[in-house]
Amino acid sequence: MRDVRKEAVRGFLKVFSCAHAMINTMAEQHQMPVDSNLLKAATGFAAGLSTMGDICGMVNAGVLILGRTGGHRFPDWKESLDTIAACNHFFRMTRNSVGTCNCGDVHGGKHLAKNFRRALLTGKTVKCFEMLYTGAGHLSELIDHGERRLSPQFQVDGKNRITDCFHEFQSRNFHCCVNTLQRIQELTNLNTSLLTNAVSGFIGGIGFSGTLCGALIGGVLALGLRFGIAPSSGRYTDTMKAIYHGLLKSDGIFRDERLFPAAKTFNRCKSLYQMVEEKYGSCNCTTISGLDIHRVSSIQEFKRSNQIDHCRMLSEMIAQKTSHLLDE
C-alpha cells in the first residue's frame, strides 16, 4: 500500500490546497467515493480558512472525511457520538505532534495573506508539508482502526466530557454546523443536505474542542458549494503559477479571481469570518460561547445559562449573511 502521508504531500504540491489534497488522498487510499460537491464545499478551508490564519484546511478536511466514513446521519444523534470523539482526537493528535493546527501560527501571522510573500521567501510553507504528512497518518489510522486508536485516558475522561456536552446539544435539538446549513437551505435555493452527515464533527468547534465555530464552518461550506472549485489531481504547473504570482502580488494573489480560481470563494468566506470576528473578537467557540470541556464548571455554566440560545442566534446571523453572499 502507498504511504498515505507522502501521497498527501504530493497532492498538495499538485493542487495547492491542503484541504483538497487531504480529501483526494484519503479517497484514493480508502476507496471512498468523493463527488465534486464535497471538494467544492471544502474550497474555503484552504490557507487557514481562506487566508484568515485559522484552523489548517487539512484538519477541517479530515473532519469532513471522518464524518463521511462514520456514516452517521442526523437526527440519529446517538450514532454520531463516536465520530465527534474521533474528530476531537484527530485534532488533538495533530496539534500535539506538530505543535499547532493553526495556519497563522505556521506562516507567522494571524492572516496568512498579509505575510504570504515573506512566508514563501523564508521557507515557512515547508511546515505545511509536515502538517499534511503527520495529519494524513493520524487520520488514516483512525479510519482503519477507529476507537482502538483512542487512548484509554481519553476514552474515559475526554469522551465522558464530550458525551455530557453532546447530550445537552441533543436535548436542545441543536448542532452548530447542521442547523446553520439547514437554515441556509431554507433561505436560498442551495441544496446543503448532501453535507449533513459529513459535518457531524463540527460541533462545539471540532468535536467540542472549542476551536473554530461550527456555525461559521457551515457558512463556509455553503459558499464553497456555490462558488468553489473541485480539482481532481491537478498539475504541478498550476502550483508553480500560484507561487510565482504570490511572490509578485503577495496578498493580492488570493483576491485575483483570474489568477487564483478559488478567490471567488475566499473573498466571501473572509467577509463571513470578519463579521463574526468583529462582533465577538474571535471566531473560536470557547471565546464566543464560554464552553470549555476541560473545565467542569464551564460545562455547568454553559447549561445553566442556556448558552445554546446564544449559539442559535449566532447560527441565524451567519445563515443570513451567507444567504446575502450567495446572491452576490
Protein backbone atom coordinates (compact mmCIF):
# COMPACT_ATOMS: atom_id res chain seq x y z
CA MET A 1 0.00 0.00 0.00
CA ARG A 2 1.21 3.53 -0.79
CA ASP A 3 2.44 5.73 2.04
CA VAL A 4 -0.62 7.91 2.56
CA ARG A 5 1.49 10.57 4.26
CA LYS A 6 3.73 11.07 1.23
CA GLU A 7 0.74 10.99 -1.10
CA ALA A 8 -0.91 13.81 0.87
CA VAL A 9 2.20 15.97 0.42
CA ARG A 10 2.35 15.18 -3.30
CA GLY A 11 -1.31 16.04 -3.59
CA PHE A 12 -0.69 19.44 -2.03
CA LEU A 13 2.11 20.15 -4.49
CA LYS A 14 -0.31 19.43 -7.33
CA VAL A 15 -3.44 21.31 -6.25
CA PHE A 16 -2.01 23.96 -3.85
CA SER A 17 -4.83 23.26 -1.39
CA CYS A 18 -4.23 21.33 1.81
CA ALA A 19 -7.96 20.63 2.13
CA HIS A 20 -8.37 19.24 -1.39
CA ALA A 21 -5.13 17.26 -1.07
CA MET A 22 -6.39 15.58 2.11
CA ILE A 23 -9.78 14.68 0.67
CA ASN A 24 -8.37 13.31 -2.60
CA THR A 25 -5.63 11.34 -0.86
CA MET A 26 -7.95 9.70 1.66
CA ALA A 27 -10.49 8.90 -1.04
CA GLU A 28 -7.86 7.05 -3.05
CA GLN A 29 -6.27 5.35 -0.04
CA HIS A 30 -9.52 4.05 1.45
CA GLN A 31 -11.60 3.57 -1.72
CA MET A 32 -14.11 6.22 -0.74
CA PRO A 33 -16.32 7.82 -3.39
CA VAL A 34 -15.98 11.59 -3.31
CA ASP A 35 -18.16 13.70 -5.54
CA SER A 36 -17.24 17.12 -6.83
CA ASN A 37 -19.67 18.82 -4.44
CA LEU A 38 -17.64 17.80 -1.38
CA LEU A 39 -14.47 19.14 -2.97
CA LYS A 40 -16.19 22.38 -3.94
CA ALA A 41 -17.59 22.79 -0.43
CA ALA A 42 -14.10 22.45 1.10
CA THR A 43 -12.58 25.19 -1.07
CA GLY A 44 -12.78 27.85 1.65
CA PHE A 45 -10.91 25.63 4.13
CA ALA A 46 -7.59 26.18 2.36
CA ALA A 47 -4.98 28.61 3.73
CA GLY A 48 -6.39 28.55 7.24
CA LEU A 49 -9.95 29.35 6.21
CA SER A 50 -9.41 31.48 3.12
CA THR A 51 -6.16 33.12 4.38
CA MET A 52 -7.55 34.14 7.78
CA GLY A 53 -4.84 32.10 9.53
CA ASP A 54 -7.24 29.89 11.47
CA ILE A 55 -7.55 26.08 11.54
CA CYS A 56 -5.46 24.35 8.86
CA GLY A 57 -7.52 23.25 5.86
CA MET A 58 -6.07 19.76 6.15
CA VAL A 59 -7.55 19.42 9.66
CA ASN A 60 -11.01 20.67 8.67
CA ALA A 61 -10.99 18.39 5.63
CA GLY A 62 -10.06 15.50 7.90
CA VAL A 63 -13.15 16.19 10.00
CA LEU A 64 -15.27 16.00 6.83
CA ILE A 65 -13.67 12.67 5.94
CA LEU A 66 -14.32 11.24 9.41
CA GLY A 67 -17.94 12.32 9.11
CA ARG A 68 -18.27 10.61 5.75
CA THR A 69 -16.58 7.39 6.82
CA GLY A 70 -18.56 7.25 10.06
CA GLY A 71 -21.74 7.00 8.06
CA HIS A 72 -23.68 8.89 10.74
CA ARG A 73 -26.83 10.77 9.81
CA PHE A 74 -28.78 13.27 11.81
CA PRO A 75 -31.18 13.30 13.57
CA ASP A 76 -29.85 9.93 14.77
CA TRP A 77 -27.83 11.76 17.40
CA LYS A 78 -26.69 8.73 19.38
CA GLU A 79 -24.91 7.33 16.32
CA SER A 80 -22.82 10.49 15.92
CA LEU A 81 -21.03 10.49 19.27
CA ASP A 82 -18.18 8.20 18.23
CA THR A 83 -17.44 10.33 15.17
CA ILE A 84 -17.45 13.53 17.25
CA ALA A 85 -15.00 11.97 19.71
CA ALA A 86 -12.78 10.77 16.85
CA CYS A 87 -12.72 14.28 15.36
CA ASN A 88 -11.68 15.73 18.71
CA HIS A 89 -8.95 13.10 19.00
CA PHE A 90 -7.72 13.75 15.44
CA PHE A 91 -7.42 17.46 16.20
CA ARG A 92 -5.53 16.88 19.45
CA MET A 93 -3.20 14.25 17.97
CA THR A 94 -2.24 16.53 15.10
CA ARG A 95 -1.75 19.54 17.36
CA ASN A 96 0.37 17.55 19.81
CA SER A 97 2.52 16.10 17.02
CA VAL A 98 3.12 19.30 15.03
CA GLY A 99 2.70 21.91 17.76
CA THR A 100 -0.27 23.72 16.24
CA CYS A 101 -3.29 23.24 14.00
CA ASN A 102 -3.49 26.92 13.02
CA CYS A 103 -2.26 28.09 9.65
CA GLY A 104 -1.38 31.53 11.02
CA ASP A 105 0.99 30.01 13.57
CA VAL A 106 2.80 28.21 10.77
CA HIS A 107 3.18 31.21 8.49
CA GLY A 108 3.97 33.80 11.10
CA GLY A 109 0.84 35.90 11.14
CA LYS A 110 -2.83 35.87 12.08
CA HIS A 111 -3.82 36.49 8.48
CA LEU A 112 -1.78 34.44 6.04
CA ALA A 113 -2.30 36.75 3.07
CA LYS A 114 -0.59 39.70 4.72
CA ASN A 115 2.59 37.66 5.10
CA PHE A 116 2.41 35.31 2.13
CA ARG A 117 5.45 36.61 0.24
CA ARG A 118 7.53 36.51 3.43
CA ALA A 119 6.28 33.01 4.21
CA LEU A 120 7.40 31.81 0.78
CA LEU A 121 10.80 33.51 0.94
CA THR A 122 11.57 32.31 4.46
CA GLY A 123 10.53 28.74 3.70
CA LYS A 124 7.77 28.64 6.30
CA THR A 125 5.45 26.95 3.81
CA VAL A 126 7.54 23.79 4.26
CA LYS A 127 5.70 23.41 7.59
CA CYS A 128 2.59 22.71 5.51
CA PHE A 129 4.26 19.52 4.29
CA GLU A 130 4.89 18.41 7.87
CA MET A 131 1.29 19.09 8.83
CA LEU A 132 -0.06 17.15 5.85
CA TYR A 133 2.38 14.29 6.38
CA THR A 134 1.54 13.97 10.07
CA GLY A 135 -2.19 14.64 9.81
CA ALA A 136 -2.69 12.16 6.98
CA GLY A 137 -1.02 9.44 9.03
CA HIS A 138 -3.20 10.09 12.08
CA LEU A 139 -6.39 10.28 10.04
CA SER A 140 -5.68 7.10 8.11
CA GLU A 141 -5.10 5.19 11.34
CA LEU A 142 -8.35 6.50 12.80
CA ILE A 143 -10.25 5.42 9.68
CA ASP A 144 -8.68 1.96 9.76
CA HIS A 145 -8.82 1.29 13.49
CA GLY A 146 -11.49 3.58 14.90
CA GLU A 147 -11.77 3.70 18.68
CA ARG A 148 -8.80 1.39 19.10
CA ARG A 149 -6.67 4.44 18.28
CA LEU A 150 -8.16 6.47 21.13
CA SER A 151 -6.02 6.48 24.27
CA PRO A 152 -7.51 4.82 27.37
CA GLN A 153 -7.43 8.12 29.28
CA PHE A 154 -9.27 9.91 26.50
CA GLN A 155 -11.90 7.17 26.28
CA VAL A 156 -12.64 7.65 29.99
CA ASP A 157 -12.16 11.35 30.70
CA GLY A 158 -12.32 13.10 27.34
CA LYS A 159 -15.17 11.12 25.92
CA ASN A 160 -17.20 11.49 29.12
CA ARG A 161 -16.93 15.28 28.88
CA ILE A 162 -17.81 15.19 25.19
CA THR A 163 -20.79 12.95 25.95
CA ASP A 164 -22.01 15.37 28.61
CA CYS A 165 -21.91 18.30 26.18
CA PHE A 166 -23.33 16.21 23.36
CA HIS A 167 -26.41 15.28 25.39
CA GLU A 168 -27.01 18.95 26.19
CA PHE A 169 -26.95 19.84 22.49
CA GLN A 170 -29.08 16.81 21.68
CA SER A 171 -31.71 17.73 24.24
CA ARG A 172 -31.92 21.23 22.76
CA ASN A 173 -32.02 19.84 19.20
CA PHE A 174 -29.11 21.97 18.08
CA HIS A 175 -26.00 21.24 16.07
CA CYS A 176 -23.83 24.25 15.21
CA CYS A 177 -22.99 23.29 11.63
CA VAL A 178 -26.03 21.22 10.68
CA ASN A 179 -28.57 23.79 11.86
CA THR A 180 -26.74 26.55 10.02
CA LEU A 181 -26.65 24.58 6.77
CA GLN A 182 -30.34 23.74 7.11
CA ARG A 183 -31.21 27.40 7.66
CA ILE A 184 -29.13 28.46 4.64
CA GLN A 185 -31.05 25.94 2.54
CA GLU A 186 -34.33 27.45 3.76
CA LEU A 187 -33.18 30.95 2.84
CA THR A 188 -31.73 30.09 -0.55
CA ASN A 189 -32.11 27.57 -3.35
CA LEU A 190 -28.86 25.86 -2.37
CA ASN A 191 -29.11 22.15 -1.52
CA THR A 192 -26.92 21.69 1.57
CA SER A 193 -28.41 18.35 2.66
CA LEU A 194 -25.67 16.38 0.91
CA LEU A 195 -23.24 17.63 3.58
CA THR A 196 -25.32 16.72 6.63
CA ASN A 197 -23.58 13.51 7.66
CA ALA A 198 -20.11 14.77 6.71
CA VAL A 199 -20.25 17.72 9.13
CA SER A 200 -21.15 15.81 12.30
CA GLY A 201 -17.74 16.64 13.84
CA PHE A 202 -18.20 20.43 13.59
CA ILE A 203 -19.94 20.92 16.91
CA GLY A 204 -18.50 22.99 19.75
CA GLY A 205 -15.58 23.69 17.44
CA ILE A 206 -14.07 20.43 16.23
CA GLY A 207 -15.65 17.73 18.37
CA PHE A 208 -16.16 20.12 21.33
CA SER A 209 -12.52 21.20 21.20
CA GLY A 210 -13.57 24.86 21.45
CA THR A 211 -11.87 25.76 18.18
CA LEU A 212 -13.30 27.44 15.07
CA CYS A 213 -17.08 27.97 15.36
CA GLY A 214 -19.08 25.16 13.72
CA ALA A 215 -21.80 27.57 12.58
CA LEU A 216 -19.18 29.58 10.71
CA ILE A 217 -17.94 26.36 9.13
CA GLY A 218 -21.49 25.79 7.86
CA GLY A 219 -21.44 29.15 6.09
CA VAL A 220 -18.02 28.48 4.58
CA LEU A 221 -19.14 25.11 3.24
CA ALA A 222 -22.28 26.61 1.71
CA LEU A 223 -20.23 29.30 -0.04
CA GLY A 224 -17.92 26.58 -1.33
CA LEU A 225 -20.85 24.63 -2.74
CA ARG A 226 -21.88 27.64 -4.82
CA PHE A 227 -18.55 29.23 -5.77
CA GLY A 228 -15.89 26.58 -5.05
CA ILE A 229 -13.62 24.51 -7.28
CA ALA A 230 -13.14 20.76 -7.44
CA PRO A 231 -9.61 19.82 -8.51
CA SER A 232 -9.14 16.10 -9.05
CA SER A 233 -5.42 15.58 -9.47
CA GLY A 234 -4.06 18.89 -10.69
CA ARG A 235 -0.75 19.68 -12.28
CA TYR A 236 2.46 20.88 -10.72
CA THR A 237 2.44 23.79 -13.17
CA ASP A 238 -0.71 25.17 -11.54
CA THR A 239 1.03 25.31 -8.17
CA MET A 240 4.14 26.91 -9.62
CA LYS A 241 1.99 29.54 -11.29
CA ALA A 242 0.28 30.36 -7.98
CA ILE A 243 3.62 30.58 -6.15
CA TYR A 244 5.15 32.79 -8.86
CA HIS A 245 2.29 35.25 -8.75
CA GLY A 246 2.22 35.00 -4.96
CA LEU A 247 5.81 36.25 -4.87
CA LEU A 248 4.84 39.16 -7.10
CA LYS A 249 1.47 40.06 -5.61
CA SER A 250 1.68 38.64 -2.05
CA ASP A 251 -1.83 39.02 -0.58
CA GLY A 252 -3.16 40.12 -3.97
CA ILE A 253 -2.94 36.63 -5.42
CA PHE A 254 -5.70 35.39 -3.13
CA ARG A 255 -8.08 38.12 -4.30
CA ASP A 256 -7.38 37.78 -8.01
CA GLU A 257 -10.13 35.60 -9.49
CA ARG A 258 -8.32 35.48 -12.86
CA LEU A 259 -5.07 34.07 -11.50
CA PHE A 260 -6.46 32.21 -8.49
CA PRO A 261 -9.73 30.33 -9.21
CA ALA A 262 -10.54 29.87 -5.51
CA ALA A 263 -10.54 33.66 -4.96
CA LYS A 264 -14.29 33.92 -5.56
CA THR A 265 -14.87 31.62 -2.58
CA PHE A 266 -12.03 33.06 -0.47
CA ASN A 267 -13.30 36.64 -0.73
CA ARG A 268 -16.77 35.70 0.52
CA CYS A 269 -15.52 33.39 3.27
CA LYS A 270 -13.22 36.15 4.54
CA SER A 271 -16.19 38.52 4.71
CA LEU A 272 -18.16 35.99 6.76
CA TYR A 273 -15.21 35.32 9.07
CA GLN A 274 -14.57 39.02 9.62
CA MET A 275 -18.21 39.64 10.54
CA VAL A 276 -18.01 37.10 13.38
CA GLU A 277 -14.54 38.20 14.44
CA GLU A 278 -15.59 41.86 14.65
CA LYS A 279 -18.64 41.03 16.76
CA TYR A 280 -17.01 38.61 19.22
CA GLY A 281 -13.30 39.39 18.98
CA SER A 282 -12.65 35.82 17.86
CA CYS A 283 -14.17 33.03 15.81
CA ASN A 284 -13.35 30.35 18.38
CA CYS A 285 -16.20 28.51 20.07
CA THR A 286 -14.77 28.81 23.59
CA THR A 287 -14.39 32.59 23.28
CA ILE A 288 -17.85 33.03 21.80
CA SER A 289 -19.82 30.61 23.98
CA GLY A 290 -17.64 30.20 27.06
CA LEU A 291 -17.79 26.40 26.71
CA ASP A 292 -14.54 24.69 27.71
CA ILE A 293 -14.91 20.95 28.15
CA HIS A 294 -11.68 20.80 30.12
CA ARG A 295 -13.40 22.62 32.99
CA VAL A 296 -16.43 21.04 34.62
CA SER A 297 -17.53 24.44 35.93
CA SER A 298 -17.60 25.77 32.37
CA ILE A 299 -19.85 22.94 31.19
CA GLN A 300 -22.18 23.51 34.14
CA GLU A 301 -22.36 27.27 33.50
CA PHE A 302 -23.00 26.68 29.79
CA LYS A 303 -26.01 24.55 30.70
CA ARG A 304 -27.25 26.80 33.49
CA SER A 305 -27.22 29.94 31.36
CA ASN A 306 -28.87 28.25 28.36
CA GLN A 307 -25.96 29.39 26.23
CA ILE A 308 -27.19 27.30 23.30
CA ASP A 309 -29.81 30.01 22.74
CA HIS A 310 -26.93 32.40 22.13
CA CYS A 311 -25.35 29.90 19.72
CA ARG A 312 -28.68 29.61 17.93
CA MET A 313 -28.76 33.38 17.38
CA LEU A 314 -25.21 33.30 16.01
CA SER A 315 -26.19 30.47 13.67
CA GLU A 316 -29.07 32.58 12.36
CA MET A 317 -26.81 35.60 11.88
CA ILE A 318 -24.31 33.52 9.90
CA ALA A 319 -27.06 31.94 7.79
CA GLN A 320 -28.50 35.35 6.95
CA LYS A 321 -25.10 36.77 6.00
CA THR A 322 -24.27 33.68 3.95
CA SER A 323 -27.53 33.92 2.04
CA HIS A 324 -26.64 37.50 1.03
CA LEU A 325 -23.14 36.45 -0.03
CA LEU A 326 -24.59 33.63 -2.12
CA ASP A 327 -26.67 36.16 -4.06
CA GLU A 328 -23.74 38.46 -4.86
